[in-house]
Amino acid sequence: MKYLKVYIPINNKRNDFISRVLNLFFSGACNKLISKSSIWYLEFTEEGNINREIGLTDELIPQIALPNNTCYGFLSDSQMTYNDFSLEDHQLEALDQKVFEANWLKLEEKSDNGSNW
């Protein structure tokens, strides 16, 4: 598995393209959490496909882990691969698997306590 930290600023204007896409494909709860996430931790399969993703705020507070019970994914729905991210104009950083797993577990614990992640 490969892991990346990707910075993708989300414009808060409700009439921008990203907001329209979020409103079309995601439930209100998912949409709200995705729109708060400008940093994404991505886990890629050996083939380079996104397996799991975590959305975080600029302050690195985990907001949403995907896929989950109510949402399939955000960036994984784009069908982008590991190689695509290196070609795009994104701020990228290598990410340690331990950091990814620790954040995933935080959100999983929230979900176990009745929170909707």
PDB file of N, CA and C in Angstrom:
ATOM      1  N   MET A   1       0.842  -1.182   0.000  1.00  0.00           N
ATOM      2  CA  MET A   1       0.000   0.000   0.000  1.00  0.00           C
ATOM      3  C   MET A   1       0.888   1.247   0.000  1.00  0.00           C
ATOM      4  N   LYS A   2       0.397   2.272  -0.678  1.00  0.00           N
ATOM      5  CA  LYS A   2       1.053   3.578  -0.698  1.00  0.00           C
ATOM      6  C   LYS A   2       0.101   4.577  -0.054  1.00  0.00           C
ATOM      7  N   TYR A   3       0.676   5.612   0.552  1.00  0.00           N
ATOM      8  CA  TYR A   3      -0.126   6.619   1.252  1.00  0.00           C
ATOM      9  C   TYR A   3       0.343   8.011   0.857  1.00  0.00           C
ATOM     10  N   LEU A   4      -0.624   8.902   0.646  1.00  0.00           N
ATOM     11  CA  LEU A   4      -0.334  10.294   0.306  1.00  0.00           C
ATOM     12  C   LEU A   4      -1.174  11.231   1.151  1.00  0.00           C
ATOM     13  N   LYS A   5      -0.604  12.394   1.417  1.00  0.00           N
ATOM     14  CA  LYS A   5      -1.341  13.506   2.002  1.00  0.00           C
ATOM     15  C   LYS A   5      -1.502  14.518   0.869  1.00  0.00           C
ATOM     16  N   VAL A   6      -2.748  14.869   0.569  1.00  0.00           N
ATOM     17  CA  VAL A   6      -3.052  15.760  -0.553  1.00  0.00           C
ATOM     18  C   VAL A   6      -3.822  16.969  -0.027  1.00  0.00           C
ATOM     19  N   TYR A   7      -3.392  18.154  -0.424  1.00  0.00           N
ATOM     20  CA  TYR A   7      -4.107  19.373  -0.056  1.00  0.00           C
ATOM     21  C   TYR A   7      -4.962  19.807  -1.239  1.00  0.00           C
ATOM     22  N   ILE A   8      -6.278  19.827  -1.035  1.00  0.00           N
ATOM     23  CA  ILE A   8      -7.216  20.255  -2.069  1.00  0.00           C
ATOM     24  C   ILE A   8      -8.152  21.281  -1.433  1.00  0.00           C
ATOM     25  N   PRO A   9      -7.884  22.558  -1.646  1.00  0.00           N
ATOM     26  CA  PRO A   9      -8.750  23.569  -1.018  1.00  0.00           C
ATOM     27  C   PRO A   9     -10.172  23.473  -1.544  1.00  0.00           C
ATOM     28  N   ILE A  10     -11.112  23.536  -0.643  1.00  0.00           N
ATOM     29  CA  ILE A  10     -12.528  23.509  -0.994  1.00  0.00           C
ATOM     30  C   ILE A  10     -13.055  24.926  -0.855  1.00  0.00           C
ATOM     31  N   ASN A  11     -13.585  25.451  -1.937  1.00  0.00           N
ATOM     32  CA  ASN A  11     -14.179  26.782  -1.929  1.00  0.00           C
ATOM     33  C   ASN A  11     -15.521  26.715  -1.208  1.00  0.00           C
ATOM     34  N   ASN A  12     -15.759  27.614  -0.290  1.00  0.00           N
ATOM     35  CA  ASN A  12     -16.986  27.572   0.509  1.00  0.00           C
ATOM     36  C   ASN A  12     -18.203  28.177  -0.193  1.00  0.00           C
ATOM     37  N   LYS A  13     -18.037  28.705  -1.393  1.00  0.00           N
ATOM     38  CA  LYS A  13     -19.193  29.256  -2.102  1.00  0.00           C
ATOM     39  C   LYS A  13     -20.145  28.140  -2.463  1.00  0.00           C
ATOM     40  N   ARG A  14     -21.398  28.293  -2.192  1.00  0.00           N
ATOM     41  CA  ARG A  14     -22.381  27.237  -2.417  1.00  0.00           C
ATOM     42  C   ARG A  14     -22.724  27.060  -3.893  1.00  0.00           C
ATOM     43  N   ASN A  15     -22.336  27.974  -4.771  1.00  0.00           N
ATOM     44  CA  ASN A  15     -22.682  27.831  -6.176  1.00  0.00           C
ATOM     45  C   ASN A  15     -21.498  27.380  -7.036  1.00  0.00           C
ATOM     46  N   ASP A  16     -20.376  27.034  -6.413  1.00  0.00           N
ATOM     47  CA  ASP A  16     -19.245  26.589  -7.211  1.00  0.00           C
ATOM     48  C   ASP A  16     -19.439  25.131  -7.655  1.00  0.00           C
ATOM     49  N   PHE A  17     -18.629  24.698  -8.583  1.00  0.00           N
ATOM     50  CA  PHE A  17     -18.766  23.372  -9.181  1.00  0.00           C
ATOM     51  C   PHE A  17     -18.673  22.257  -8.140  1.00  0.00           C
ATOM     52  N   ILE A  18     -17.678  22.317  -7.268  1.00  0.00           N
ATOM     53  CA  ILE A  18     -17.500  21.258  -6.269  1.00  0.00           C
ATOM     54  C   ILE A  18     -18.716  21.153  -5.380  1.00  0.00           C
ATOM     55  N   SER A  19     -19.274  22.270  -4.967  1.00  0.00           N
ATOM     56  CA  SER A  19     -20.469  22.237  -4.119  1.00  0.00           C
ATOM     57  C   SER A  19     -21.642  21.594  -4.840  1.00  0.00           C
ATOM     58  N   ARG A  20     -21.790  21.894  -6.120  1.00  0.00           N
ATOM     59  CA  ARG A  20     -22.888  21.290  -6.882  1.00  0.00           C
ATOM     60  C   ARG A  20     -22.722  19.775  -6.975  1.00  0.00           C
ATOM     61  N   VAL A  21     -21.489  19.326  -7.208  1.00  0.00           N
ATOM     62  CA  VAL A  21     -21.225  17.894  -7.279  1.00  0.00           C
ATOM     63  C   VAL A  21     -21.503  17.240  -5.929  1.00  0.00           C
ATOM     64  N   LEU A  22     -21.046  17.868  -4.858  1.00  0.00           N
ATOM     65  CA  LEU A  22     -21.297  17.312  -3.525  1.00  0.00           C
ATOM     66  C   LEU A  22     -22.787  17.184  -3.263  1.00  0.00           C
ATOM     67  N   ASN A  23     -23.542  18.204  -3.633  1.00  0.00           N
ATOM     68  CA  ASN A  23     -24.985  18.176  -3.393  1.00  0.00           C
ATOM     69  C   ASN A  23     -25.685  17.099  -4.218  1.00  0.00           C
ATOM     70  N   LEU A  24     -25.163  16.801  -5.403  1.00  0.00           N
ATOM     71  CA  LEU A  24     -25.780  15.783  -6.242  1.00  0.00           C
ATOM     72  C   LEU A  24     -25.544  14.366  -5.726  1.00  0.00           C
ATOM     73  N   PHE A  25     -24.331  14.118  -5.236  1.00  0.00           N
ATOM     74  CA  PHE A  25     -23.947  12.741  -4.959  1.00  0.00           C
ATOM     75  C   PHE A  25     -23.896  12.337  -3.489  1.00  0.00           C
ATOM     76  N   PHE A  26     -23.915  13.278  -2.576  1.00  0.00           N
ATOM     77  CA  PHE A  26     -23.716  12.918  -1.183  1.00  0.00           C
ATOM     78  C   PHE A  26     -24.862  13.374  -0.320  1.00  0.00           C
ATOM     79  N   SER A  27     -25.113  12.595   0.745  1.00  0.00           N
ATOM     80  CA  SER A  27     -26.129  12.981   1.714  1.00  0.00           C
ATOM     81  C   SER A  27     -25.682  14.251   2.421  1.00  0.00           C
ATOM     82  N   GLY A  28     -26.611  14.910   3.099  1.00  0.00           N
ATOM     83  CA  GLY A  28     -26.306  16.151   3.799  1.00  0.00           C
ATOM     84  C   GLY A  28     -25.168  16.001   4.788  1.00  0.00           C
ATOM     85  N   ALA A  29     -25.150  14.915   5.572  1.00  0.00           N
ATOM     86  CA  ALA A  29     -24.104  14.717   6.579  1.00  0.00           C
ATOM     87  C   ALA A  29     -22.735  14.549   5.912  1.00  0.00           C
ATOM     88  N   CYS A  30     -22.670  13.748   4.877  1.00  0.00           N
ATOM     89  CA  CYS A  30     -21.401  13.538   4.176  1.00  0.00           C
ATOM     90  C   CYS A  30     -20.941  14.826   3.501  1.00  0.00           C
ATOM     91  N   ASN A  31     -21.858  15.496   2.853  1.00  0.00           N
ATOM     92  CA  ASN A  31     -21.555  16.734   2.155  1.00  0.00           C
ATOM     93  C   ASN A  31     -20.933  17.746   3.115  1.00  0.00           C
ATOM     94  N   LYS A  32     -21.520  17.884   4.282  1.00  0.00           N
ATOM     95  CA  LYS A  32     -21.032  18.854   5.268  1.00  0.00           C
ATOM     96  C   LYS A  32     -19.606  18.507   5.706  1.00  0.00           C
ATOM     97  N   LEU A  33     -19.353  17.238   5.981  1.00  0.00           N
ATOM     98  CA  LEU A  33     -18.022  16.828   6.433  1.00  0.00           C
ATOM     99  C   LEU A  33     -16.993  16.902   5.318  1.00  0.00           C
ATOM    100  N   ILE A  34     -17.386  16.544   4.107  1.00  0.00           N
ATOM    101  CA  ILE A  34     -16.468  16.640   2.968  1.00  0.00           C
ATOM    102  C   ILE A  34     -16.116  18.103   2.707  1.00  0.00           C
ATOM    103  N   SER A  35     -17.101  18.982   2.803  1.00  0.00           N
ATOM    104  CA  SER A  35     -16.841  20.399   2.517  1.00  0.00           C
ATOM    105  C   SER A  35     -15.947  21.050   3.566  1.00  0.00           C
ATOM    106  N   LYS A  36     -15.808  20.450   4.744  1.00  0.00           N
ATOM    107  CA  LYS A  36     -14.904  20.955   5.778  1.00  0.00           C
ATOM    108  C   LYS A  36     -13.489  20.428   5.597  1.00  0.00           C
ATOM    109  N   SER A  37     -13.303  19.509   4.664  1.00  0.00           N
ATOM    110  CA  SER A  37     -12.021  18.813   4.499  1.00  0.00           C
ATOM    111  C   SER A  37     -11.226  19.382   3.333  1.00  0.00           C
ATOM    112  N   SER A  38     -10.070  19.950   3.653  1.00  0.00           N
ATOM    113  CA  SER A  38      -9.191  20.457   2.599  1.00  0.00           C
ATOM    114  C   SER A  38      -7.922  19.623   2.484  1.00  0.00           C
ATOM    115  N   ILE A  39      -7.720  18.746   3.452  1.00  0.00           N
ATOM    116  CA  ILE A  39      -6.574  17.835   3.423  1.00  0.00           C
ATOM    117  C   ILE A  39      -7.127  16.418   3.384  1.00  0.00           C
ATOM    118  N   TRP A  40      -6.549  15.614   2.513  1.00  0.00           N
ATOM    119  CA  TRP A  40      -7.011  14.231   2.351  1.00  0.00           C
ATOM    120  C   TRP A  40      -5.838  13.283   2.511  1.00  0.00           C
ATOM    121  N   TYR A  41      -6.022  12.291   3.384  1.00  0.00           N
ATOM    122  CA  TYR A  41      -5.081  11.183   3.497  1.00  0.00           C
ATOM    123  C   TYR A  41      -5.635  10.074   2.622  1.00  0.00           C
ATOM    124  N   LEU A  42      -4.813   9.592   1.705  1.00  0.00           N
ATOM    125  CA  LEU A  42      -5.260   8.574   0.758  1.00  0.00           C
ATOM    126  C   LEU A  42      -4.432   7.304   0.901  1.00  0.00           C
ATOM    127  N   GLU A  43      -5.124   6.184   0.876  1.00  0.00           N
ATOM    128  CA  GLU A  43      -4.490   4.876   0.869  1.00  0.00           C
ATOM    129  C   GLU A  43      -4.727   4.274  -0.507  1.00  0.00           C
ATOM    130  N   PHE A  44      -3.657   3.843  -1.150  1.00  0.00           N
ATOM    131  CA  PHE A  44      -3.737   3.274  -2.495  1.00  0.00           C
ATOM    132  C   PHE A  44      -3.417   1.783  -2.467  1.00  0.00           C
ATOM    133  N   THR A  45      -4.110   1.032  -3.310  1.00  0.00           N
ATOM    134  CA  THR A  45      -3.812  -0.386  -3.487  1.00  0.00           C
ATOM    135  C   THR A  45      -2.496  -0.515  -4.247  1.00  0.00           C
ATOM    136  N   GLU A  46      -2.000  -1.733  -4.332  1.00  0.00           N
ATOM    137  CA  GLU A  46      -0.770  -1.983  -5.094  1.00  0.00           C
ATOM    138  C   GLU A  46      -0.946  -1.610  -6.568  1.00  0.00           C
ATOM    139  N   GLU A  47      -2.187  -1.655  -7.066  1.00  0.00           N
ATOM    140  CA  GLU A  47      -2.461  -1.281  -8.453  1.00  0.00           C
ATOM    141  C   GLU A  47      -2.549   0.235  -8.628  1.00  0.00           C
ATOM    142  N   GLY A  48      -2.535   0.994  -7.533  1.00  0.00           N
ATOM    143  CA  GLY A  48      -2.569   2.442  -7.609  1.00  0.00           C
ATOM    144  C   GLY A  48      -3.944   3.062  -7.471  1.00  0.00           C
ATOM    145  N   ASN A  49      -4.974   2.265  -7.152  1.00  0.00           N
ATOM    146  CA  ASN A  49      -6.330   2.790  -6.964  1.00  0.00           C
ATOM    147  C   ASN A  49      -6.532   3.231  -5.513  1.00  0.00           C
ATOM    148  N   ILE A  50      -7.369   4.235  -5.312  1.00  0.00           N
ATOM    149  CA  ILE A  50      -7.661   4.677  -3.952  1.00  0.00           C
ATOM    150  C   ILE A  50      -8.500   3.607  -3.263  1.00  0.00           C
ATOM    151  N   ASN A  51      -8.044   3.176  -2.107  1.00  0.00           N
ATOM    152  CA  ASN A  51      -8.732   2.159  -1.328  1.00  0.00           C
ATOM    153  C   ASN A  51      -9.580   2.807  -0.227  1.00  0.00           C
ATOM    154  N   ARG A  52      -8.957   3.669   0.557  1.00  0.00           N
ATOM    155  CA  ARG A  52      -9.644   4.392   1.625  1.00  0.00           C
ATOM    156  C   ARG A  52      -9.142   5.828   1.624  1.00  0.00           C
ATOM    157  N   GLU A  53      -9.958   6.720   2.200  1.00  0.00           N
ATOM    158  CA  GLU A  53      -9.582   8.127   2.265  1.00  0.00           C
ATOM    159  C   GLU A  53     -10.118   8.749   3.542  1.00  0.00           C
ATOM    160  N   ILE A  54      -9.371   9.721   4.040  1.00  0.00           N
ATOM    161  CA  ILE A  54      -9.759  10.447   5.248  1.00  0.00           C
ATOM    162  C   ILE A  54      -9.698  11.934   4.930  1.00  0.00           C
ATOM    163  N   GLY A  55     -10.795  12.638   5.199  1.00  0.00           N
ATOM    164  CA  GLY A  55     -10.832  14.083   5.026  1.00  0.00           C
ATOM    165  C   GLY A  55     -10.534  14.763   6.347  1.00  0.00           C
ATOM    166  N   LEU A  56      -9.633  15.760   6.313  1.00  0.00           N
ATOM    167  CA  LEU A  56      -9.234  16.494   7.511  1.00  0.00           C
ATOM    168  C   LEU A  56      -9.345  17.993   7.270  1.00  0.00           C
ATOM    169  N   THR A  57      -9.471  18.741   8.350  1.00  0.00           N
ATOM    170  CA  THR A  57      -9.466  20.197   8.258  1.00  0.00           C
ATOM    171  C   THR A  57      -8.029  20.683   8.083  1.00  0.00           C
ATOM    172  N   ASP A  58      -7.865  21.991   7.853  1.00  0.00           N
ATOM    173  CA  ASP A  58      -6.522  22.578   7.765  1.00  0.00           C
ATOM    174  C   ASP A  58      -5.727  22.356   9.050  1.00  0.00           C
ATOM    175  N   GLU A  59      -6.433  22.174  10.168  1.00  0.00           N
ATOM    176  CA  GLU A  59      -5.796  21.952  11.471  1.00  0.00           C
ATOM    177  C   GLU A  59      -5.521  20.465  11.728  1.00  0.00           C
ATOM    178  N   LEU A  60      -5.712  19.638  10.702  1.00  0.00           N
ATOM    179  CA  LEU A  60      -5.498  18.189  10.750  1.00  0.00           C
ATOM    180  C   LEU A  60      -6.451  17.474  11.706  1.00  0.00           C
ATOM    181  N   ILE A  61      -7.666  17.991  11.818  1.00  0.00           N
ATOM    182  CA  ILE A  61      -8.714  17.331  12.591  1.00  0.00           C
ATOM    183  C   ILE A  61      -9.490  16.429  11.637  1.00  0.00           C
ATOM    184  N   PRO A  62      -9.454  15.111  11.870  1.00  0.00           N
ATOM    185  CA  PRO A  62     -10.166  14.197  10.972  1.00  0.00           C
ATOM    186  C   PRO A  62     -11.678  14.442  11.005  1.00  0.00           C
ATOM    187  N   GLN A  63     -12.296  14.530   9.828  1.00  0.00           N
ATOM    188  CA  GLN A  63     -13.720  14.803   9.701  1.00  0.00           C
ATOM    189  C   GLN A  63     -14.517  13.604   9.219  1.00  0.00           C
ATOM    190  N   ILE A  64     -13.966  12.908   8.215  1.00  0.00           N
ATOM    191  CA  ILE A  64     -14.729  11.827   7.592  1.00  0.00           C
ATOM    192  C   ILE A  64     -13.773  10.776   7.031  1.00  0.00           C
ATOM    193  N   ALA A  65     -14.151   9.525   7.199  1.00  0.00           N
ATOM    194  CA  ALA A  65     -13.406   8.403   6.645  1.00  0.00           C
ATOM    195  C   ALA A  65     -14.303   7.719   5.630  1.00  0.00           C
ATOM    196  N   LEU A  66     -13.754   7.475   4.453  1.00  0.00           N
ATOM    197  CA  LEU A  66     -14.551   6.903   3.375  1.00  0.00           C
ATOM    198  C   LEU A  66     -13.844   5.698   2.770  1.00  0.00           C
ATOM    199  N   PRO A  67     -14.550   4.689   2.371  1.00  0.00           N
ATOM    200  CA  PRO A  67     -16.004   4.576   2.409  1.00  0.00           C
ATOM    201  C   PRO A  67     -16.498   4.306   3.830  1.00  0.00           C
ATOM    202  N   ASN A  68     -17.772   4.645   4.059  1.00  0.00           N
ATOM    203  CA  ASN A  68     -18.408   4.358   5.337  1.00  0.00           C
ATOM    204  C   ASN A  68     -19.836   3.876   5.094  1.00  0.00           C
ATOM    205  N   ASN A  69     -20.634   3.828   6.133  1.00  0.00           N
ATOM    206  CA  ASN A  69     -21.992   3.280   6.015  1.00  0.00           C
ATOM    207  C   ASN A  69     -22.924   4.098   5.127  1.00  0.00           C
ATOM    208  N   THR A  70     -22.656   5.400   4.979  1.00  0.00           N
ATOM    209  CA  THR A  70     -23.580   6.245   4.220  1.00  0.00           C
ATOM    210  C   THR A  70     -22.989   6.833   2.940  1.00  0.00           C
ATOM    211  N   CYS A  71     -21.670   6.814   2.797  1.00  0.00           N
ATOM    212  CA  CYS A  71     -21.028   7.406   1.615  1.00  0.00           C
ATOM    213  C   CYS A  71     -19.960   6.472   1.076  1.00  0.00           C
ATOM    214  N   TYR A  72     -19.942   6.348  -0.237  1.00  0.00           N
ATOM    215  CA  TYR A  72     -18.957   5.475  -0.875  1.00  0.00           C
ATOM    216  C   TYR A  72     -17.573   6.105  -0.832  1.00  0.00           C
ATOM    217  N   GLY A  73     -17.446   7.323  -1.317  1.00  0.00           N
ATOM    218  CA  GLY A  73     -16.150   7.978  -1.355  1.00  0.00           C
ATOM    219  C   GLY A  73     -16.240   9.353  -1.964  1.00  0.00           C
ATOM    220  N   PHE A  74     -15.167  10.088  -1.907  1.00  0.00           N
ATOM    221  CA  PHE A  74     -15.089  11.425  -2.505  1.00  0.00           C
ATOM    222  C   PHE A  74     -14.061  11.379  -3.628  1.00  0.00           C
ATOM    223  N   LEU A  75     -12.790  11.311  -3.309  1.00  0.00           N
ATOM    224  CA  LEU A  75     -11.762  11.239  -4.343  1.00  0.00           C
ATOM    225  C   LEU A  75     -11.737   9.875  -5.016  1.00  0.00           C
ATOM    226  N   SER A  76     -12.103   8.832  -4.292  1.00  0.00           N
ATOM    227  CA  SER A  76     -12.120   7.500  -4.906  1.00  0.00           C
ATOM    228  C   SER A  76     -13.167   7.414  -6.003  1.00  0.00           C
ATOM    229  N   ASP A  77     -14.215   8.212  -5.918  1.00  0.00           N
ATOM    230  CA  ASP A  77     -15.218   8.256  -6.972  1.00  0.00           C
ATOM    231  C   ASP A  77     -14.679   8.882  -8.255  1.00  0.00           C
ATOM    232  N   SER A  78     -13.583   9.614  -8.150  1.00  0.00           N
ATOM    233  CA  SER A  78     -13.019  10.280  -9.324  1.00  0.00           C
ATOM    234  C   SER A  78     -12.280   9.309 -10.239  1.00  0.00           C
ATOM    235  N   GLN A  79     -12.019   8.103  -9.754  1.00  0.00           N
ATOM    236  CA  GLN A  79     -11.262   7.092 -10.500  1.00  0.00           C
ATOM    237  C   GLN A  79      -9.811   7.507 -10.731  1.00  0.00           C
ATOM    238  N   MET A  80      -9.333   8.519  -9.984  1.00  0.00           N
ATOM    239  CA  MET A  80      -7.932   8.918 -10.093  1.00  0.00           C
ATOM    240  C   MET A  80      -7.061   7.839  -9.460  1.00  0.00           C
ATOM    241  N   THR A  81      -5.879   7.668  -9.997  1.00  0.00           N
ATOM    242  CA  THR A  81      -4.931   6.694  -9.479  1.00  0.00           C
ATOM    243  C   THR A  81      -3.756   7.421  -8.825  1.00  0.00           C
ATOM    244  N   TYR A  82      -2.888   6.652  -8.213  1.00  0.00           N
ATOM    245  CA  TYR A  82      -1.692   7.215  -7.582  1.00  0.00           C
ATOM    246  C   TYR A  82      -0.901   8.055  -8.584  1.00  0.00           C
ATOM    247  N   ASN A  83      -0.724   7.541  -9.790  1.00  0.00           N
ATOM    248  CA  ASN A  83       0.035   8.273 -10.811  1.00  0.00           C
ATOM    249  C   ASN A  83      -0.647   9.578 -11.218  1.00  0.00           C
ATOM    250  N   ASP A  84      -1.976   9.611 -11.220  1.00  0.00           N
ATOM    251  CA  ASP A  84      -2.697  10.835 -11.574  1.00  0.00           C
ATOM    252  C   ASP A  84      -2.391  11.964 -10.612  1.00  0.00           C
ATOM    253  N   PHE A  85      -2.245  11.648  -9.348  1.00  0.00           N
ATOM    254  CA  PHE A  85      -1.983  12.698  -8.365  1.00  0.00           C
ATOM    255  C   PHE A  85      -0.624  13.330  -8.580  1.00  0.00           C
ATOM    256  N   SER A  86       0.343  12.574  -9.027  1.00  0.00           N
ATOM    257  CA  SER A  86       1.654  13.155  -9.274  1.00  0.00           C
ATOM    258  C   SER A  86       1.638  14.061 -10.495  1.00  0.00           C
ATOM    259  N   LEU A  87       0.685  13.846 -11.403  1.00  0.00           N
ATOM    260  CA  LEU A  87       0.593  14.668 -12.605  1.00  0.00           C
ATOM    261  C   LEU A  87      -0.250  15.922 -12.396  1.00  0.00           C
ATOM    262  N   GLU A  88      -1.114  15.895 -11.397  1.00  0.00           N
ATOM    263  CA  GLU A  88      -1.986  17.030 -11.122  1.00  0.00           C
ATOM    264  C   GLU A  88      -1.237  18.099 -10.335  1.00  0.00           C
ATOM    265  N   ASP A  89      -1.828  19.282 -10.275  1.00  0.00           N
ATOM    266  CA  ASP A  89      -1.233  20.390  -9.547  1.00  0.00           C
ATOM    267  C   ASP A  89      -1.751  20.389  -8.107  1.00  0.00           C
ATOM    268  N   HIS A  90      -1.375  19.374  -7.344  1.00  0.00           N
ATOM    269  CA  HIS A  90      -1.771  19.259  -5.946  1.00  0.00           C
ATOM    270  C   HIS A  90      -0.530  19.352  -5.070  1.00  0.00           C
ATOM    271  N   GLN A  91      -0.725  19.851  -3.855  1.00  0.00           N
ATOM    272  CA  GLN A  91       0.350  19.805  -2.879  1.00  0.00           C
ATOM    273  C   GLN A  91       0.352  18.397  -2.296  1.00  0.00           C
ATOM    274  N   LEU A  92       1.430  17.662  -2.521  1.00  0.00           N
ATOM    275  CA  LEU A  92       1.514  16.262  -2.105  1.00  0.00           C
ATOM    276  C   LEU A  92       2.617  16.066  -1.087  1.00  0.00           C
ATOM    277  N   GLU A  93       2.389  15.115  -0.204  1.00  0.00           N
ATOM    278  CA  GLU A  93       3.409  14.675   0.737  1.00  0.00           C
ATOM    279  C   GLU A  93       3.254  13.187   0.920  1.00  0.00           C
ATOM    280  N   ALA A  94       4.362  12.493   1.079  1.00  0.00           N
ATOM    281  CA  ALA A  94       4.280  11.077   1.438  1.00  0.00           C
ATOM    282  C   ALA A  94       3.696  11.001   2.848  1.00  0.00           C
ATOM    283  N   LEU A  95       2.949   9.951   3.103  1.00  0.00           N
ATOM    284  CA  LEU A  95       2.293   9.775   4.391  1.00  0.00           C
ATOM    285  C   LEU A  95       2.653   8.405   4.937  1.00  0.00           C
ATOM    286  N   ASP A  96       2.933   8.342   6.222  1.00  0.00           N
ATOM    287  CA  ASP A  96       3.244   7.081   6.872  1.00  0.00           C
ATOM    288  C   ASP A  96       1.961   6.302   7.140  1.00  0.00           C
ATOM    289  N   GLN A  97       2.001   5.001   6.944  1.00  0.00           N
ATOM    290  CA  GLN A  97       0.841   4.149   7.170  1.00  0.00           C
ATOM    291  C   GLN A  97       0.324   4.286   8.599  1.00  0.00           C
ATOM    292  N   LYS A  98       1.209   4.438   9.566  1.00  0.00           N
ATOM    293  CA  LYS A  98       0.797   4.559  10.972  1.00  0.00           C
ATOM    294  C   LYS A  98      -0.055   5.801  11.201  1.00  0.00           C
ATOM    295  N   VAL A  99       0.274   6.892  10.530  1.00  0.00           N
ATOM    296  CA  VAL A  99      -0.506   8.127  10.655  1.00  0.00           C
ATOM    297  C   VAL A  99      -1.898   7.914  10.072  1.00  0.00           C
ATOM    298  N   PHE A 100      -1.959   7.275   8.909  1.00  0.00           N
ATOM    299  CA  PHE A 100      -3.249   6.994   8.287  1.00  0.00           C
ATOM    300  C   PHE A 100      -4.101   6.130   9.211  1.00  0.00           C
ATOM    301  N   GLU A 101      -3.544   5.029   9.685  1.00  0.00           N
ATOM    302  CA  GLU A 101      -4.300   4.086  10.515  1.00  0.00           C
ATOM    303  C   GLU A 101      -4.762   4.726  11.826  1.00  0.00           C
ATOM    304  N   ALA A 102      -3.935   5.555  12.435  1.00  0.00           N
ATOM    305  CA  ALA A 102      -4.310   6.214  13.686  1.00  0.00           C
ATOM    306  C   ALA A 102      -5.517   7.123  13.474  1.00  0.00           C
ATOM    307  N   ASN A 103      -5.540   7.863  12.375  1.00  0.00           N
ATOM    308  CA  ASN A 103      -6.663   8.743  12.079  1.00  0.00           C
ATOM    309  C   ASN A 103      -7.908   7.943  11.705  1.00  0.00           C
ATOM    310  N   TRP A 104      -7.731   6.850  10.989  1.00  0.00           N
ATOM    311  CA  TRP A 104      -8.857   5.989  10.630  1.00  0.00           C
ATOM    312  C   TRP A 104      -9.507   5.447  11.906  1.00  0.00           C
ATOM    313  N   LEU A 105      -8.673   4.993  12.841  1.00  0.00           N
ATOM    314  CA  LEU A 105      -9.194   4.441  14.099  1.00  0.00           C
ATOM    315  C   LEU A 105      -9.940   5.492  14.917  1.00  0.00           C
ATOM    316  N   LYS A 106      -9.442   6.734  14.916  1.00  0.00           N
ATOM    317  CA  LYS A 106     -10.139   7.822  15.630  1.00  0.00           C
ATOM    318  C   LYS A 106     -11.564   7.959  15.110  1.00  0.00           C
ATOM    319  N   LEU A 107     -11.715   7.954  13.817  1.00  0.00           N
ATOM    320  CA  LEU A 107     -13.040   8.119  13.223  1.00  0.00           C
ATOM    321  C   LEU A 107     -13.895   6.872  13.405  1.00  0.00           C
ATOM    322  N   GLU A 108     -13.274   5.716  13.385  1.00  0.00           N
ATOM    323  CA  GLU A 108     -14.003   4.480  13.616  1.00  0.00           C
ATOM    324  C   GLU A 108     -14.558   4.451  15.049  1.00  0.00           C
ATOM    325  N   GLU A 109     -13.774   4.927  16.012  1.00  0.00           N
ATOM    326  CA  GLU A 109     -14.222   4.986  17.405  1.00  0.00           C
ATOM    327  C   GLU A 109     -15.383   5.954  17.550  1.00  0.00           C
ATOM    328  N   LYS A 110     -15.313   7.082  16.855  1.00  0.00           N
ATOM    329  CA  LYS A 110     -16.432   8.040  16.863  1.00  0.00           C
ATOM    330  C   LYS A 110     -17.703   7.368  16.373  1.00  0.00           C
ATOM    331  N   SER A 111     -17.561   6.600  15.293  1.00  0.00           N
ATOM    332  CA  SER A 111     -18.704   5.916  14.703  1.00  0.00           C
ATOM    333  C   SER A 111     -19.274   4.886  15.680  1.00  0.00           C
ATOM    334  N   ASP A 112     -18.406   4.174  16.362  1.00  0.00           N
ATOM    335  CA  ASP A 112     -18.846   3.169  17.342  1.00  0.00           C
ATOM    336  C   ASP A 112     -19.595   3.810  18.504  1.00  0.00           C
ATOM    337  N   ASN A 113     -19.318   5.084  18.774  1.00  0.00           N
ATOM    338  CA  ASN A 113     -19.980   5.800  19.866  1.00  0.00           C
ATOM    339  C   ASN A 113     -21.233   6.530  19.389  1.00  0.00           C
ATOM    340  N   GLY A 114     -21.708   6.224  18.193  1.00  0.00           N
ATOM    341  CA  GLY A 114     -22.956   6.794  17.703  1.00  0.00           C
ATOM    342  C   GLY A 114     -22.811   8.003  16.810  1.00  0.00           C
ATOM    343  N   SER A 115     -21.595   8.469  16.569  1.00  0.00           N
ATOM    344  CA  SER A 115     -21.401   9.599  15.669  1.00  0.00           C
ATOM    345  C   SER A 115     -21.489   9.118  14.232  1.00  0.00           C
ATOM    346  N   ASN A 116     -21.919   9.997  13.361  1.00  0.00           N
ATOM    347  CA  ASN A 116     -21.989   9.665  11.945  1.00  0.00           C
ATOM    348  C   ASN A 116     -20.739  10.196  11.267  1.00  0.00           C
ATOM    349  N   TRP A 117     -19.856   9.333  10.809  1.00  0.00           N
ATOM    350  CA  TRP A 117     -18.632   9.776  10.150  1.00  0.00           C
ATOM    351  C   TRP A 117     -18.736   9.542   8.699  1.00  0.00           C
TER     352      TRP A 117
END
